[in-house]
Amino acid sequence: MRGLAPSCGPVRLVAVDGHAGSGKTTFAGRLAAALGGAPVVHLDDLATHAEPFGWAGRLRTQVLEPLAAGRDAAYEVYDWTLRRFASTAAVPLAPVVLVEGVGAGRRAVRPWLARLVWMELSAEDARRRGEERDGPALAEFWEGWAQAESAHFAGDPSRPHAGTTVDGVTGRISPGTVGEPSTSP
């Protein structure tokens, strides 16, 4: 990742995308550690109940534009219990910054990316994993989420633009995907 060309000012912005429950957060955490503590932007912090995919503008103005200008960034963090933005997360300028979450490789973000990583796990298996993780209290949330996620990927798919795919079960990088381009027109 450090060998990629800078894509967002001096930063190599790497997106980790995939279905909810596919292992994005776990993989991004491991990748960040392997990169010596690369900052990670969690899109769950930018999404809201009312706008699960309405975060692109906040990501651009609060994170991407400052990084592109060679400055540290900070973004408002949505509190899912209070249902409002309640804190701030710092994103220090670094050689590699990770953005992880469903839709991280969406059309509005791809021009800023040095690499798009896709967590390869079917929507059904990912949902099952997420429901097991979150328990029955969030079953209603998952039903609504599944519909929103399906609509998002139908209109703005990330998978075809991924330069790297990772098995969502094993966490291993799929052979033959490491050196391919991450973006396409």
N, C-alpha and C. Protein backbone atom coordinates (compact mmCIF):
# COMPACT_ATOMS: atom_id res chain seq x y z
N MET A 1 0.83 -1.20 0.00
CA MET A 1 0.00 0.00 0.00
C MET A 1 0.87 1.26 0.00
N ARG A 2 2.00 1.18 0.71
CA ARG A 2 2.89 2.35 0.73
C ARG A 2 3.50 2.63 -0.63
N GLY A 3 3.57 1.59 -1.50
CA GLY A 3 4.15 1.75 -2.83
C GLY A 3 3.21 2.33 -3.87
N LEU A 4 1.94 2.48 -3.50
CA LEU A 4 0.98 3.09 -4.42
C LEU A 4 1.26 4.57 -4.59
N ALA A 5 0.83 5.12 -5.70
CA ALA A 5 0.98 6.56 -5.91
C ALA A 5 0.00 7.30 -5.00
N PRO A 6 0.41 8.45 -4.46
CA PRO A 6 -0.53 9.25 -3.67
C PRO A 6 -1.77 9.58 -4.51
N SER A 7 -2.92 9.60 -3.86
CA SER A 7 -4.18 9.79 -4.57
C SER A 7 -5.04 10.91 -4.01
N CYS A 8 -4.71 11.35 -2.83
CA CYS A 8 -5.49 12.37 -2.12
C CYS A 8 -4.48 13.32 -1.51
N GLY A 9 -3.97 14.26 -2.35
CA GLY A 9 -2.83 15.06 -1.91
C GLY A 9 -1.66 14.13 -1.70
N PRO A 10 -0.98 14.20 -0.55
CA PRO A 10 0.16 13.33 -0.29
C PRO A 10 -0.23 11.94 0.23
N VAL A 11 -1.51 11.69 0.38
CA VAL A 11 -2.01 10.47 1.01
C VAL A 11 -2.38 9.41 -0.03
N ARG A 12 -2.12 8.16 0.31
CA ARG A 12 -2.62 7.01 -0.44
C ARG A 12 -3.90 6.59 0.28
N LEU A 13 -5.04 6.94 -0.28
CA LEU A 13 -6.32 6.62 0.34
C LEU A 13 -6.74 5.23 -0.12
N VAL A 14 -6.98 4.35 0.84
CA VAL A 14 -7.35 2.96 0.56
C VAL A 14 -8.73 2.71 1.15
N ALA A 15 -9.67 2.26 0.32
CA ALA A 15 -11.02 1.94 0.78
C ALA A 15 -11.16 0.44 0.97
N VAL A 16 -11.85 0.06 2.04
CA VAL A 16 -12.20 -1.34 2.29
C VAL A 16 -13.71 -1.40 2.28
N ASP A 17 -14.26 -2.06 1.27
CA ASP A 17 -15.71 -2.09 1.03
C ASP A 17 -16.19 -3.52 1.01
N GLY A 18 -17.48 -3.70 1.12
CA GLY A 18 -18.11 -5.00 1.08
C GLY A 18 -19.43 -4.93 1.81
N HIS A 19 -20.15 -6.02 1.81
CA HIS A 19 -21.45 -6.07 2.49
C HIS A 19 -21.27 -5.92 3.99
N ALA A 20 -22.31 -5.40 4.66
CA ALA A 20 -22.30 -5.32 6.12
C ALA A 20 -22.13 -6.72 6.68
N GLY A 21 -21.15 -6.89 7.57
CA GLY A 21 -20.88 -8.20 8.14
C GLY A 21 -19.82 -8.99 7.40
N SER A 22 -19.20 -8.40 6.37
CA SER A 22 -18.23 -9.15 5.56
C SER A 22 -16.81 -9.15 6.13
N GLY A 23 -16.56 -8.40 7.19
CA GLY A 23 -15.23 -8.38 7.80
C GLY A 23 -14.41 -7.14 7.51
N LYS A 24 -15.05 -6.09 7.03
CA LYS A 24 -14.33 -4.86 6.66
C LYS A 24 -13.58 -4.24 7.84
N THR A 25 -14.26 -4.09 8.97
CA THR A 25 -13.65 -3.43 10.12
C THR A 25 -12.47 -4.24 10.65
N THR A 26 -12.64 -5.54 10.74
CA THR A 26 -11.55 -6.42 11.20
C THR A 26 -10.37 -6.34 10.26
N PHE A 27 -10.63 -6.46 8.95
CA PHE A 27 -9.53 -6.41 7.98
C PHE A 27 -8.84 -5.05 8.01
N ALA A 28 -9.62 -3.96 8.04
CA ALA A 28 -9.03 -2.62 8.06
C ALA A 28 -8.17 -2.43 9.31
N GLY A 29 -8.61 -2.96 10.44
CA GLY A 29 -7.81 -2.86 11.67
C GLY A 29 -6.49 -3.59 11.53
N ARG A 30 -6.53 -4.77 10.94
CA ARG A 30 -5.30 -5.54 10.74
C ARG A 30 -4.37 -4.86 9.74
N LEU A 31 -4.96 -4.33 8.67
CA LEU A 31 -4.15 -3.63 7.67
C LEU A 31 -3.53 -2.37 8.28
N ALA A 32 -4.31 -1.63 9.06
CA ALA A 32 -3.79 -0.42 9.71
C ALA A 32 -2.61 -0.77 10.62
N ALA A 33 -2.74 -1.85 11.37
CA ALA A 33 -1.64 -2.28 12.25
C ALA A 33 -0.41 -2.67 11.44
N ALA A 34 -0.62 -3.40 10.34
CA ALA A 34 0.50 -3.81 9.48
C ALA A 34 1.20 -2.60 8.85
N LEU A 35 0.46 -1.52 8.70
CA LEU A 35 1.03 -0.29 8.14
C LEU A 35 1.58 0.63 9.22
N GLY A 36 1.74 0.12 10.42
CA GLY A 36 2.33 0.91 11.50
C GLY A 36 1.37 1.88 12.16
N GLY A 37 0.09 1.58 12.12
CA GLY A 37 -0.89 2.45 12.78
C GLY A 37 -1.54 3.45 11.85
N ALA A 38 -1.78 3.07 10.61
CA ALA A 38 -2.44 3.98 9.65
C ALA A 38 -3.81 4.38 10.21
N PRO A 39 -4.20 5.63 10.03
CA PRO A 39 -5.52 6.08 10.48
C PRO A 39 -6.63 5.35 9.71
N VAL A 40 -7.74 5.09 10.39
CA VAL A 40 -8.89 4.44 9.78
C VAL A 40 -10.12 5.32 10.00
N VAL A 41 -10.80 5.64 8.91
CA VAL A 41 -12.07 6.36 8.96
C VAL A 41 -13.17 5.31 8.84
N HIS A 42 -14.05 5.25 9.84
CA HIS A 42 -15.16 4.29 9.85
C HIS A 42 -16.42 4.98 9.33
N LEU A 43 -16.92 4.52 8.20
CA LEU A 43 -18.09 5.18 7.60
C LEU A 43 -19.34 5.04 8.46
N ASP A 44 -19.39 4.05 9.35
CA ASP A 44 -20.50 3.96 10.30
C ASP A 44 -20.57 5.21 11.17
N ASP A 45 -19.43 5.89 11.35
CA ASP A 45 -19.39 7.12 12.14
C ASP A 45 -19.98 8.30 11.38
N LEU A 46 -20.01 8.24 10.06
CA LEU A 46 -20.50 9.34 9.22
C LEU A 46 -21.93 9.13 8.75
N ALA A 47 -22.38 7.88 8.77
CA ALA A 47 -23.76 7.55 8.37
C ALA A 47 -24.71 7.91 9.50
N THR A 48 -25.99 7.99 9.16
CA THR A 48 -27.01 8.27 10.18
C THR A 48 -28.21 7.34 9.97
N HIS A 49 -29.09 7.32 10.96
CA HIS A 49 -30.33 6.55 10.81
C HIS A 49 -31.11 7.02 9.58
N ALA A 50 -31.21 8.33 9.42
CA ALA A 50 -32.01 8.91 8.34
C ALA A 50 -31.33 8.76 6.98
N GLU A 51 -30.00 8.77 6.97
CA GLU A 51 -29.24 8.72 5.71
C GLU A 51 -28.11 7.70 5.82
N PRO A 52 -28.42 6.41 5.70
CA PRO A 52 -27.35 5.42 5.83
C PRO A 52 -26.25 5.56 4.77
N PHE A 53 -26.59 6.13 3.62
CA PHE A 53 -25.59 6.35 2.57
C PHE A 53 -25.45 7.83 2.22
N GLY A 54 -25.89 8.69 3.10
CA GLY A 54 -25.83 10.13 2.86
C GLY A 54 -24.57 10.79 3.39
N TRP A 55 -23.51 10.03 3.53
CA TRP A 55 -22.28 10.52 4.15
C TRP A 55 -21.23 11.05 3.18
N ALA A 56 -21.42 10.93 1.88
CA ALA A 56 -20.37 11.29 0.92
C ALA A 56 -19.92 12.74 1.04
N GLY A 57 -20.85 13.66 1.22
CA GLY A 57 -20.49 15.07 1.38
C GLY A 57 -19.70 15.32 2.65
N ARG A 58 -20.10 14.69 3.75
CA ARG A 58 -19.37 14.84 5.01
C ARG A 58 -17.96 14.28 4.88
N LEU A 59 -17.82 13.11 4.24
CA LEU A 59 -16.50 12.53 4.04
C LEU A 59 -15.63 13.48 3.21
N ARG A 60 -16.19 14.02 2.14
CA ARG A 60 -15.41 14.90 1.27
C ARG A 60 -14.94 16.15 2.01
N THR A 61 -15.87 16.86 2.67
CA THR A 61 -15.50 18.14 3.28
C THR A 61 -14.70 17.99 4.57
N GLN A 62 -15.01 16.97 5.37
CA GLN A 62 -14.35 16.83 6.66
C GLN A 62 -13.06 16.03 6.62
N VAL A 63 -12.92 15.13 5.63
CA VAL A 63 -11.75 14.25 5.59
C VAL A 63 -10.93 14.41 4.31
N LEU A 64 -11.56 14.19 3.16
CA LEU A 64 -10.80 14.14 1.91
C LEU A 64 -10.18 15.48 1.54
N GLU A 65 -10.95 16.55 1.60
CA GLU A 65 -10.39 17.85 1.21
C GLU A 65 -9.25 18.30 2.10
N PRO A 66 -9.36 18.18 3.44
CA PRO A 66 -8.20 18.53 4.27
C PRO A 66 -6.97 17.66 3.97
N LEU A 67 -7.15 16.35 3.84
CA LEU A 67 -6.01 15.49 3.52
C LEU A 67 -5.40 15.85 2.18
N ALA A 68 -6.24 16.12 1.19
CA ALA A 68 -5.75 16.49 -0.14
C ALA A 68 -4.94 17.78 -0.10
N ALA A 69 -5.27 18.65 0.85
CA ALA A 69 -4.54 19.90 1.01
C ALA A 69 -3.30 19.74 1.89
N GLY A 70 -3.03 18.50 2.32
CA GLY A 70 -1.84 18.24 3.13
C GLY A 70 -2.02 18.57 4.60
N ARG A 71 -3.28 18.57 5.07
CA ARG A 71 -3.57 18.90 6.48
C ARG A 71 -4.20 17.71 7.20
N ASP A 72 -4.06 17.70 8.52
CA ASP A 72 -4.81 16.75 9.33
C ASP A 72 -6.30 17.00 9.12
N ALA A 73 -7.09 15.97 9.35
CA ALA A 73 -8.54 16.10 9.20
C ALA A 73 -9.22 15.66 10.50
N ALA A 74 -10.48 15.97 10.62
CA ALA A 74 -11.30 15.52 11.74
C ALA A 74 -12.74 15.47 11.24
N TYR A 75 -13.49 14.50 11.74
CA TYR A 75 -14.88 14.40 11.32
C TYR A 75 -15.79 14.19 12.52
N GLU A 76 -17.02 14.64 12.34
CA GLU A 76 -18.03 14.46 13.37
C GLU A 76 -18.47 13.00 13.38
N VAL A 77 -18.62 12.43 14.59
CA VAL A 77 -18.99 11.03 14.76
C VAL A 77 -20.45 10.95 15.20
N TYR A 78 -21.22 10.19 14.44
CA TYR A 78 -22.64 9.99 14.75
C TYR A 78 -22.78 8.99 15.89
N ASP A 79 -23.57 9.33 16.87
CA ASP A 79 -23.87 8.44 17.99
C ASP A 79 -25.18 7.73 17.68
N TRP A 80 -25.13 6.42 17.46
CA TRP A 80 -26.30 5.66 17.04
C TRP A 80 -27.33 5.51 18.15
N THR A 81 -26.91 5.69 19.40
CA THR A 81 -27.85 5.64 20.52
C THR A 81 -28.55 6.98 20.70
N LEU A 82 -27.78 8.07 20.69
CA LEU A 82 -28.34 9.41 20.85
C LEU A 82 -29.01 9.92 19.58
N ARG A 83 -28.69 9.28 18.45
CA ARG A 83 -29.23 9.66 17.14
C ARG A 83 -28.84 11.09 16.74
N ARG A 84 -27.58 11.43 17.00
CA ARG A 84 -27.05 12.74 16.60
C ARG A 84 -25.52 12.66 16.57
N PHE A 85 -24.92 13.63 15.90
CA PHE A 85 -23.46 13.72 15.92
C PHE A 85 -23.06 14.23 17.30
N ALA A 86 -22.18 13.49 17.99
CA ALA A 86 -21.92 13.80 19.39
C ALA A 86 -20.44 13.92 19.74
N SER A 87 -19.53 13.54 18.83
CA SER A 87 -18.11 13.65 19.13
C SER A 87 -17.35 13.86 17.82
N THR A 88 -16.04 13.90 17.93
CA THR A 88 -15.18 14.13 16.77
C THR A 88 -14.05 13.10 16.77
N ALA A 89 -13.66 12.66 15.59
CA ALA A 89 -12.53 11.74 15.43
C ALA A 89 -11.45 12.42 14.60
N ALA A 90 -10.22 12.32 15.05
CA ALA A 90 -9.09 12.91 14.34
C ALA A 90 -8.57 11.95 13.27
N VAL A 91 -8.13 12.51 12.16
CA VAL A 91 -7.50 11.74 11.09
C VAL A 91 -6.18 12.45 10.75
N PRO A 92 -5.11 12.02 11.39
CA PRO A 92 -3.83 12.69 11.11
C PRO A 92 -3.35 12.40 9.69
N LEU A 93 -2.69 13.37 9.12
CA LEU A 93 -2.09 13.19 7.81
C LEU A 93 -1.08 12.05 7.91
N ALA A 94 -1.16 11.10 7.00
CA ALA A 94 -0.29 9.93 7.04
C ALA A 94 -0.06 9.45 5.61
N PRO A 95 0.98 8.66 5.38
CA PRO A 95 1.22 8.16 4.03
C PRO A 95 0.06 7.33 3.48
N VAL A 96 -0.60 6.54 4.36
CA VAL A 96 -1.76 5.74 3.98
C VAL A 96 -2.87 6.01 4.98
N VAL A 97 -4.06 6.29 4.48
CA VAL A 97 -5.26 6.44 5.32
C VAL A 97 -6.29 5.47 4.77
N LEU A 98 -6.93 4.72 5.67
CA LEU A 98 -7.95 3.75 5.28
C LEU A 98 -9.34 4.31 5.53
N VAL A 99 -10.26 4.01 4.62
CA VAL A 99 -11.67 4.32 4.79
C VAL A 99 -12.40 2.99 4.68
N GLU A 100 -13.14 2.62 5.74
CA GLU A 100 -13.80 1.32 5.70
C GLU A 100 -15.29 1.49 5.97
N GLY A 101 -16.06 0.73 5.21
CA GLY A 101 -17.50 0.72 5.41
C GLY A 101 -18.21 0.38 4.11
N VAL A 102 -19.48 0.05 4.24
CA VAL A 102 -20.29 -0.27 3.07
C VAL A 102 -20.38 0.98 2.19
N GLY A 103 -19.96 0.85 0.96
CA GLY A 103 -19.99 1.96 0.02
C GLY A 103 -18.71 2.77 -0.02
N ALA A 104 -17.66 2.33 0.68
CA ALA A 104 -16.40 3.08 0.69
C ALA A 104 -15.81 3.25 -0.71
N GLY A 105 -16.16 2.35 -1.61
CA GLY A 105 -15.67 2.43 -2.99
C GLY A 105 -16.68 3.01 -3.95
N ARG A 106 -17.63 3.77 -3.42
CA ARG A 106 -18.68 4.34 -4.28
C ARG A 106 -18.11 5.36 -5.26
N ARG A 107 -18.91 5.65 -6.27
CA ARG A 107 -18.52 6.53 -7.37
C ARG A 107 -17.95 7.87 -6.87
N ALA A 108 -18.55 8.46 -5.85
CA ALA A 108 -18.12 9.77 -5.35
C ALA A 108 -16.76 9.72 -4.66
N VAL A 109 -16.33 8.55 -4.23
CA VAL A 109 -15.07 8.41 -3.50
C VAL A 109 -13.95 7.89 -4.40
N ARG A 110 -14.28 7.11 -5.42
CA ARG A 110 -13.26 6.46 -6.25
C ARG A 110 -12.19 7.41 -6.81
N PRO A 111 -12.51 8.63 -7.23
CA PRO A 111 -11.43 9.49 -7.76
C PRO A 111 -10.34 9.82 -6.74
N TRP A 112 -10.64 9.67 -5.45
CA TRP A 112 -9.69 9.98 -4.39
C TRP A 112 -8.85 8.76 -4.00
N LEU A 113 -9.18 7.59 -4.51
CA LEU A 113 -8.59 6.34 -4.03
C LEU A 113 -7.32 5.93 -4.77
N ALA A 114 -6.39 5.41 -3.99
CA ALA A 114 -5.21 4.74 -4.55
C ALA A 114 -5.50 3.26 -4.74
N ARG A 115 -6.40 2.72 -3.92
CA ARG A 115 -6.74 1.29 -3.99
C ARG A 115 -8.12 1.08 -3.38
N LEU A 116 -8.87 0.20 -4.01
CA LEU A 116 -10.16 -0.24 -3.49
C LEU A 116 -10.05 -1.73 -3.20
N VAL A 117 -10.28 -2.09 -1.95
CA VAL A 117 -10.25 -3.48 -1.50
C VAL A 117 -11.70 -3.91 -1.29
N TRP A 118 -12.06 -5.06 -1.82
CA TRP A 118 -13.41 -5.60 -1.66
C TRP A 118 -13.34 -6.86 -0.81
N MET A 119 -14.17 -6.90 0.23
CA MET A 119 -14.28 -8.09 1.07
C MET A 119 -15.26 -9.05 0.41
N GLU A 120 -14.77 -10.16 -0.07
CA GLU A 120 -15.57 -11.11 -0.84
C GLU A 120 -16.33 -12.06 0.10
N LEU A 121 -17.62 -11.77 0.27
CA LEU A 121 -18.53 -12.61 1.03
C LEU A 121 -19.93 -12.28 0.54
N SER A 122 -20.72 -13.29 0.28
CA SER A 122 -22.05 -13.03 -0.26
C SER A 122 -22.87 -12.18 0.70
N ALA A 123 -23.83 -11.44 0.16
CA ALA A 123 -24.70 -10.61 0.98
C ALA A 123 -25.43 -11.45 2.03
N GLU A 124 -25.84 -12.64 1.66
CA GLU A 124 -26.56 -13.52 2.59
C GLU A 124 -25.67 -13.96 3.74
N ASP A 125 -24.47 -14.40 3.42
CA ASP A 125 -23.54 -14.85 4.47
C ASP A 125 -23.10 -13.68 5.36
N ALA A 126 -22.88 -12.54 4.74
CA ALA A 126 -22.48 -11.36 5.52
C ALA A 126 -23.61 -10.94 6.46
N ARG A 127 -24.83 -10.94 5.96
CA ARG A 127 -25.96 -10.57 6.81
C ARG A 127 -26.11 -11.55 7.97
N ARG A 128 -26.00 -12.82 7.68
CA ARG A 128 -26.10 -13.84 8.74
C ARG A 128 -25.03 -13.59 9.81
N ARG A 129 -23.82 -13.31 9.37
CA ARG A 129 -22.72 -13.02 10.31
C ARG A 129 -23.04 -11.77 11.13
N GLY A 130 -23.53 -10.73 10.46
CA GLY A 130 -23.87 -9.49 11.17
C GLY A 130 -24.98 -9.67 12.17
N GLU A 131 -26.01 -10.44 11.79
CA GLU A 131 -27.12 -10.68 12.71
C GLU A 131 -26.67 -11.50 13.92
N GLU A 132 -25.79 -12.46 13.71
CA GLU A 132 -25.25 -13.23 14.83
C GLU A 132 -24.42 -12.33 15.75
N ARG A 133 -23.66 -11.44 15.16
CA ARG A 133 -22.82 -10.51 15.93
C ARG A 133 -23.68 -9.55 16.75
N ASP A 134 -24.74 -9.01 16.13
CA ASP A 134 -25.53 -7.96 16.76
C ASP A 134 -26.66 -8.47 17.63
N GLY A 135 -27.08 -9.70 17.43
CA GLY A 135 -28.13 -10.27 18.26
C GLY A 135 -29.53 -9.88 17.82
N PRO A 136 -30.55 -10.48 18.45
CA PRO A 136 -31.94 -10.27 18.05
C PRO A 136 -32.45 -8.85 18.26
N ALA A 137 -31.83 -8.09 19.13
CA ALA A 137 -32.31 -6.72 19.39
C ALA A 137 -32.22 -5.84 18.15
N LEU A 138 -31.34 -6.18 17.22
CA LEU A 138 -31.17 -5.36 16.01
C LEU A 138 -31.75 -6.02 14.76
N ALA A 139 -32.59 -7.03 14.92
CA ALA A 139 -33.17 -7.73 13.77
C ALA A 139 -33.95 -6.78 12.87
N GLU A 140 -34.72 -5.89 13.43
CA GLU A 140 -35.50 -4.94 12.63
C GLU A 140 -34.56 -4.00 11.87
N PHE A 141 -33.51 -3.55 12.52
CA PHE A 141 -32.53 -2.69 11.85
C PHE A 141 -31.94 -3.42 10.65
N TRP A 142 -31.58 -4.70 10.81
CA TRP A 142 -30.96 -5.46 9.73
C TRP A 142 -31.89 -5.60 8.54
N GLU A 143 -33.17 -5.74 8.79
CA GLU A 143 -34.13 -5.87 7.69
C GLU A 143 -34.12 -4.59 6.83
N GLY A 144 -34.21 -3.45 7.48
CA GLY A 144 -34.15 -2.18 6.75
C GLY A 144 -32.81 -1.95 6.10
N TRP A 145 -31.75 -2.31 6.82
CA TRP A 145 -30.40 -2.13 6.30
C TRP A 145 -30.19 -2.95 5.03
N ALA A 146 -30.62 -4.19 5.04
CA ALA A 146 -30.43 -5.07 3.88
C ALA A 146 -31.05 -4.46 2.63
N GLN A 147 -32.21 -3.86 2.78
CA GLN A 147 -32.88 -3.23 1.63
C GLN A 147 -32.09 -2.01 1.15
N ALA A 148 -31.61 -1.19 2.09
CA ALA A 148 -30.84 0.01 1.73
C ALA A 148 -29.51 -0.37 1.07
N GLU A 149 -28.85 -1.38 1.61
CA GLU A 149 -27.58 -1.83 1.05
C GLU A 149 -27.77 -2.38 -0.36
N SER A 150 -28.79 -3.18 -0.55
CA SER A 150 -29.07 -3.75 -1.87
C SER A 150 -29.33 -2.66 -2.89
N ALA A 151 -30.13 -1.67 -2.51
CA ALA A 151 -30.42 -0.55 -3.41
C ALA A 151 -29.15 0.24 -3.72
N HIS A 152 -28.31 0.44 -2.71
CA HIS A 152 -27.06 1.19 -2.92
C HIS A 152 -26.17 0.48 -3.94
N PHE A 153 -25.90 -0.80 -3.71
CA PHE A 153 -25.00 -1.52 -4.61
C PHE A 153 -25.60 -1.73 -6.00
N ALA A 154 -26.93 -1.76 -6.11
CA ALA A 154 -27.56 -1.87 -7.43
C ALA A 154 -27.30 -0.61 -8.25
N GLY A 155 -27.33 0.54 -7.60
CA GLY A 155 -27.14 1.81 -8.30
C GLY A 155 -25.71 2.29 -8.38
N ASP A 156 -24.85 1.81 -7.47
CA ASP A 156 -23.47 2.29 -7.40
C ASP A 156 -22.56 1.16 -6.91
N PRO A 157 -22.36 0.15 -7.73
CA PRO A 157 -21.57 -1.00 -7.29
C PRO A 157 -20.09 -0.68 -7.13
N SER A 158 -19.50 -1.21 -6.08
CA SER A 158 -18.07 -1.04 -5.83
C SER A 158 -17.25 -2.22 -6.34
N ARG A 159 -17.78 -3.40 -6.21
CA ARG A 159 -17.05 -4.63 -6.51
C ARG A 159 -16.35 -4.61 -7.86
N PRO A 160 -16.97 -4.16 -8.94
CA PRO A 160 -16.29 -4.19 -10.24
C PRO A 160 -15.05 -3.30 -10.31
N HIS A 161 -14.89 -2.38 -9.37
CA HIS A 161 -13.78 -1.43 -9.39
C HIS A 161 -12.64 -1.80 -8.44
N ALA A 162 -12.81 -2.91 -7.72
CA ALA A 162 -11.81 -3.31 -6.73
C ALA A 162 -10.54 -3.81 -7.41
N GLY A 163 -9.42 -3.33 -6.95
CA GLY A 163 -8.13 -3.80 -7.43
C GLY A 163 -7.60 -4.94 -6.59
N THR A 164 -8.18 -5.12 -5.41
CA THR A 164 -7.79 -6.19 -4.50
C THR A 164 -9.05 -6.77 -3.89
N THR A 165 -9.14 -8.09 -3.88
CA THR A 165 -10.25 -8.73 -3.17
C THR A 165 -9.66 -9.58 -2.04
N VAL A 166 -10.44 -9.64 -0.95
CA VAL A 166 -10.03 -10.38 0.23
C VAL A 166 -11.15 -11.34 0.59
N ASP A 167 -10.81 -12.59 0.85
CA ASP A 167 -11.80 -13.57 1.26
C ASP A 167 -12.36 -13.15 2.62
N GLY A 168 -13.67 -12.95 2.68
CA GLY A 168 -14.31 -12.49 3.90
C GLY A 168 -14.34 -13.51 5.02
N VAL A 169 -14.02 -14.77 4.71
CA VAL A 169 -13.97 -15.81 5.73
C VAL A 169 -12.55 -15.95 6.27
N THR A 170 -11.57 -16.07 5.38
CA THR A 170 -10.20 -16.32 5.81
C THR A 170 -9.40 -15.05 6.04
N GLY A 171 -9.81 -13.94 5.42
CA GLY A 171 -9.04 -12.70 5.50
C GLY A 171 -7.83 -12.69 4.59
N ARG A 172 -7.74 -13.66 3.70
CA ARG A 172 -6.60 -13.73 2.79
C ARG A 172 -6.88 -12.97 1.50
N ILE A 173 -5.86 -12.32 0.99
CA ILE A 173 -5.96 -11.60 -0.27
C ILE A 173 -6.08 -12.62 -1.40
N SER A 174 -7.02 -12.41 -2.29
CA SER A 174 -7.23 -13.32 -3.41
C SER A 174 -6.08 -13.22 -4.40
N PRO A 175 -5.55 -14.37 -4.83
CA PRO A 175 -4.44 -14.36 -5.78
C PRO A 175 -4.79 -13.58 -7.05
N GLY A 176 -3.82 -12.87 -7.58
CA GLY A 176 -4.01 -12.17 -8.84
C GLY A 176 -4.71 -10.84 -8.74
N THR A 177 -5.02 -10.37 -7.52
CA THR A 177 -5.74 -9.10 -7.43
C THR A 177 -4.92 -7.98 -6.81
N VAL A 178 -3.72 -8.28 -6.36
CA VAL A 178 -2.95 -7.27 -5.64
C VAL A 178 -2.48 -6.13 -6.54
N GLY A 179 -2.05 -6.41 -7.76
CA GLY A 179 -1.46 -5.38 -8.58
C GLY A 179 -2.34 -4.77 -9.63
N GLU A 180 -3.62 -5.14 -9.64
CA GLU A 180 -4.52 -4.61 -10.66
C GLU A 180 -4.95 -3.18 -10.32
N PRO A 181 -5.32 -2.39 -11.33
CA PRO A 181 -5.79 -1.03 -11.04
C PRO A 181 -7.04 -1.06 -10.17
N SER A 182 -7.19 -0.03 -9.34
CA SER A 182 -8.33 0.02 -8.42
C SER A 182 -9.52 0.78 -8.97
N THR A 183 -9.29 1.60 -9.94
CA THR A 183 -10.37 2.44 -10.42
C THR A 183 -10.51 2.31 -11.93
N SER A 184 -11.66 2.65 -12.40
CA SER A 184 -11.90 2.71 -13.84
C SER A 184 -12.85 3.85 -14.10
N PRO A 185 -12.87 4.37 -15.30
CA PRO A 185 -13.73 5.52 -15.58
C PRO A 185 -15.19 5.26 -15.33
